[in-house]
C-alpha atoms as a PDB file:
ATOM      1  CA  MET A   1     102.234  52.831 233.518  1.00  0.00           C
ATOM      2  CA  LYS A   2     100.186  50.867 230.989  1.00  0.00           C
ATOM      3  CA  ILE A   3      96.602  51.821 230.244  1.00  0.00           C
ATOM      4  CA  LEU A   4      93.893  49.273 229.394  1.00  0.00           C
ATOM      5  CA  ARG A   5      91.119  50.634 227.177  1.00  0.00           C
ATOM      6  CA  ILE A   6      87.794  49.247 228.420  1.00  0.00           C
ATOM      7  CA  GLY A   7      85.523  50.854 225.849  1.00  0.00           C
ATOM      8  CA  PHE A   8      83.816  54.142 224.999  1.00  0.00           C
ATOM      9  CA  GLY A   9      86.777  56.327 225.890  1.00  0.00           C
ATOM     10  CA  ASN A  10      87.234  54.747 229.320  1.00  0.00           C
ATOM     11  CA  ALA A  11      90.542  53.355 230.548  1.00  0.00           C
ATOM     12  CA  VAL A  12      92.059  51.729 233.633  1.00  0.00           C
ATOM     13  CA  VAL A  13      95.669  51.483 234.768  1.00  0.00           C
ATOM     14  CA  SER A  14      96.385  47.831 234.006  1.00  0.00           C
ATOM     15  CA  SER A  15      98.547  47.210 237.069  1.00  0.00           C
ATOM     16  CA  ARG A  16      95.585  48.033 239.339  1.00  0.00           C
ATOM     17  CA  ILE A  17      93.354  45.272 237.927  1.00  0.00           C
ATOM     18  CA  ARG A  18      93.178  42.201 240.146  1.00  0.00           C
ATOM     19  CA  GLN A  19      90.420  40.241 238.434  1.00  0.00           C
ATOM     20  CA  ILE A  20      88.186  40.259 235.365  1.00  0.00           C
ATOM     21  CA  ARG A  21      84.876  38.462 235.620  1.00  0.00           C
ATOM     22  CA  ALA A  22      82.181  37.663 233.107  1.00  0.00           C
ATOM     23  CA  VAL A  23      78.732  38.937 233.984  1.00  0.00           C
ATOM     24  CA  LYS A  24      75.691  36.931 232.905  1.00  0.00           C
ATOM     25  CA  PRO A  25      72.404  38.844 232.550  1.00  0.00           C
ATOM     26  CA  SER A  26      70.604  36.765 235.194  1.00  0.00           C
ATOM     27  CA  GLN A  27      73.445  37.197 237.694  1.00  0.00           C
ATOM     28  CA  TRP A  28      73.719  40.887 236.929  1.00  0.00           C
ATOM     29  CA  ARG A  29      70.039  41.633 237.638  1.00  0.00           C
ATOM     30  CA  GLN A  30      70.307  40.010 241.040  1.00  0.00           C
ATOM     31  CA  TRP A  31      73.680  41.592 241.829  1.00  0.00           C
ATOM     32  CA  ARG A  32      72.595  45.057 240.629  1.00  0.00           C
ATOM     33  CA  GLN A  33      70.060  45.323 243.459  1.00  0.00           C
ATOM     34  CA  HIS A  34      72.942  45.411 245.935  1.00  0.00           C
ATOM     35  CA  THR A  35      75.224  47.713 243.933  1.00  0.00           C
ATOM     36  CA  ASP A  36      73.075  50.808 244.384  1.00  0.00           C
ATOM     37  CA  GLN A  37      74.532  51.075 247.876  1.00  0.00           C
ATOM     38  CA  MET A  38      78.120  50.605 246.717  1.00  0.00           C
ATOM     39  CA  ILE A  39      80.235  53.723 246.624  1.00  0.00           C
ATOM     40  CA  LYS A  40      83.065  52.168 244.627  1.00  0.00           C
ATOM     41  CA  LEU A  41      81.048  51.137 241.565  1.00  0.00           C
ATOM     42  CA  ILE A  42      82.002  52.708 238.229  1.00  0.00           C
ATOM     43  CA  ASP A  43      79.725  52.122 235.255  1.00  0.00           C
ATOM     44  CA  ALA A  44      81.774  52.420 232.044  1.00  0.00           C
ATOM     45  CA  THR A  45      79.208  50.732 229.786  1.00  0.00           C
ATOM     46  CA  ALA A  46      77.808  53.904 228.181  1.00  0.00           C
ATOM     47  CA  GLY A  47      74.326  52.419 228.530  1.00  0.00           C
ATOM     48  CA  ARG A  48      75.208  49.133 226.833  1.00  0.00           C
ATOM     49  CA  HIS A  49      74.828  45.623 228.270  1.00  0.00           C
ATOM     50  CA  THR A  50      77.290  44.802 231.025  1.00  0.00           C
ATOM     51  CA  ARG A  51      79.476  41.895 229.901  1.00  0.00           C
ATOM     52  CA  SER A  52      82.340  42.073 232.359  1.00  0.00           C
ATOM     53  CA  MET A  53      83.406  43.562 235.624  1.00  0.00           C
ATOM     54  CA  LEU A  54      86.920  44.494 236.621  1.00  0.00           C
ATOM     55  CA  ILE A  55      87.917  44.413 240.265  1.00  0.00           C
ATOM     56  CA  THR A  56      90.807  46.662 241.248  1.00  0.00           C
ATOM     57  CA  ASP A  57      93.280  46.545 244.108  1.00  0.00           C
ATOM     58  CA  SER A  58      91.471  49.506 245.708  1.00  0.00           C
ATOM     59  CA  GLY A  59      88.167  47.605 245.816  1.00  0.00           C
ATOM     60  CA  HIS A  60      86.562  49.498 242.949  1.00  0.00           C
ATOM     61  CA  ILE A  61      84.290  47.534 240.640  1.00  0.00           C
ATOM     62  CA  ILE A  62      84.317  48.777 237.059  1.00  0.00           C
ATOM     63  CA  LEU A  63      81.591  47.621 234.694  1.00  0.00           C
ATOM     64  CA  SER A  64      82.417  47.234 230.995  1.00  0.00           C
ATOM     65  CA  SER A  65      80.389  46.325 227.944  1.00  0.00           C
ATOM     66  CA  LEU A  66      83.396  44.540 226.460  1.00  0.00           C
ATOM     67  CA  SER A  67      83.654  40.794 226.947  1.00  0.00           C
ATOM     68  CA  PRO A  68      86.235  39.383 229.360  1.00  0.00           C
ATOM     69  CA  GLU A  69      87.984  37.755 226.387  1.00  0.00           C
ATOM     70  CA  VAL A  70      88.485  41.101 224.653  1.00  0.00           C
ATOM     71  CA  LEU A  71      89.792  42.664 227.860  1.00  0.00           C
ATOM     72  CA  GLU A  72      92.167  39.755 228.423  1.00  0.00           C
ATOM     73  CA  GLU A  73      93.449  40.061 224.836  1.00  0.00           C
ATOM     74  CA  ARG A  74      94.115  43.745 225.409  1.00  0.00           C
ATOM     75  CA  LEU A  75      95.931  42.958 228.651  1.00  0.00           C
ATOM     76  CA  ALA A  76      98.023  40.368 226.828  1.00  0.00           C
ATOM     77  CA  GLU A  77      98.954  42.989 224.237  1.00  0.00           C
ATOM     78  CA  LEU A  78     100.162  45.187 227.079  1.00  0.00           C
ATOM     79  CA  GLY A  79     102.193  42.289 228.503  1.00  0.00           C
ATOM     80  CA  GLU A  80     100.185  42.258 231.739  1.00  0.00           C
ATOM     81  CA  LEU A  81      98.143  39.051 231.474  1.00  0.00           C
ATOM     82  CA  ARG A  82     100.799  36.509 232.382  1.00  0.00           C
ATOM     83  CA  GLU A  83     102.213  38.620 235.185  1.00  0.00           C
ATOM     84  CA  LYS A  84      98.862  39.260 236.851  1.00  0.00           C
ATOM     85  CA  GLY A  85      97.282  35.807 236.370  1.00  0.00           C
ATOM     86  CA  HIS A  86      93.854  37.208 235.509  1.00  0.00           C
ATOM     87  CA  SER A  87      90.931  34.847 235.283  1.00  0.00           C
END
């Protein structure tokens, strides 16, 4: 089991990640209105700006303040990026 560090002491099991998406501030404001009703939303930003969201195989959405590029680099270091085909 390989663990992906997503910032501020938070981590995700890398094999559970299905997609990494960039979050633009304008998109996030609009999307955030609908997330208050979501039960499977995990905010791992520690109060910082949301730069990416990770979608897991269980349907959880995990918010991170790290950029998608940094997360993809970390996945590549774990040897998971090519296998999973993250975008």
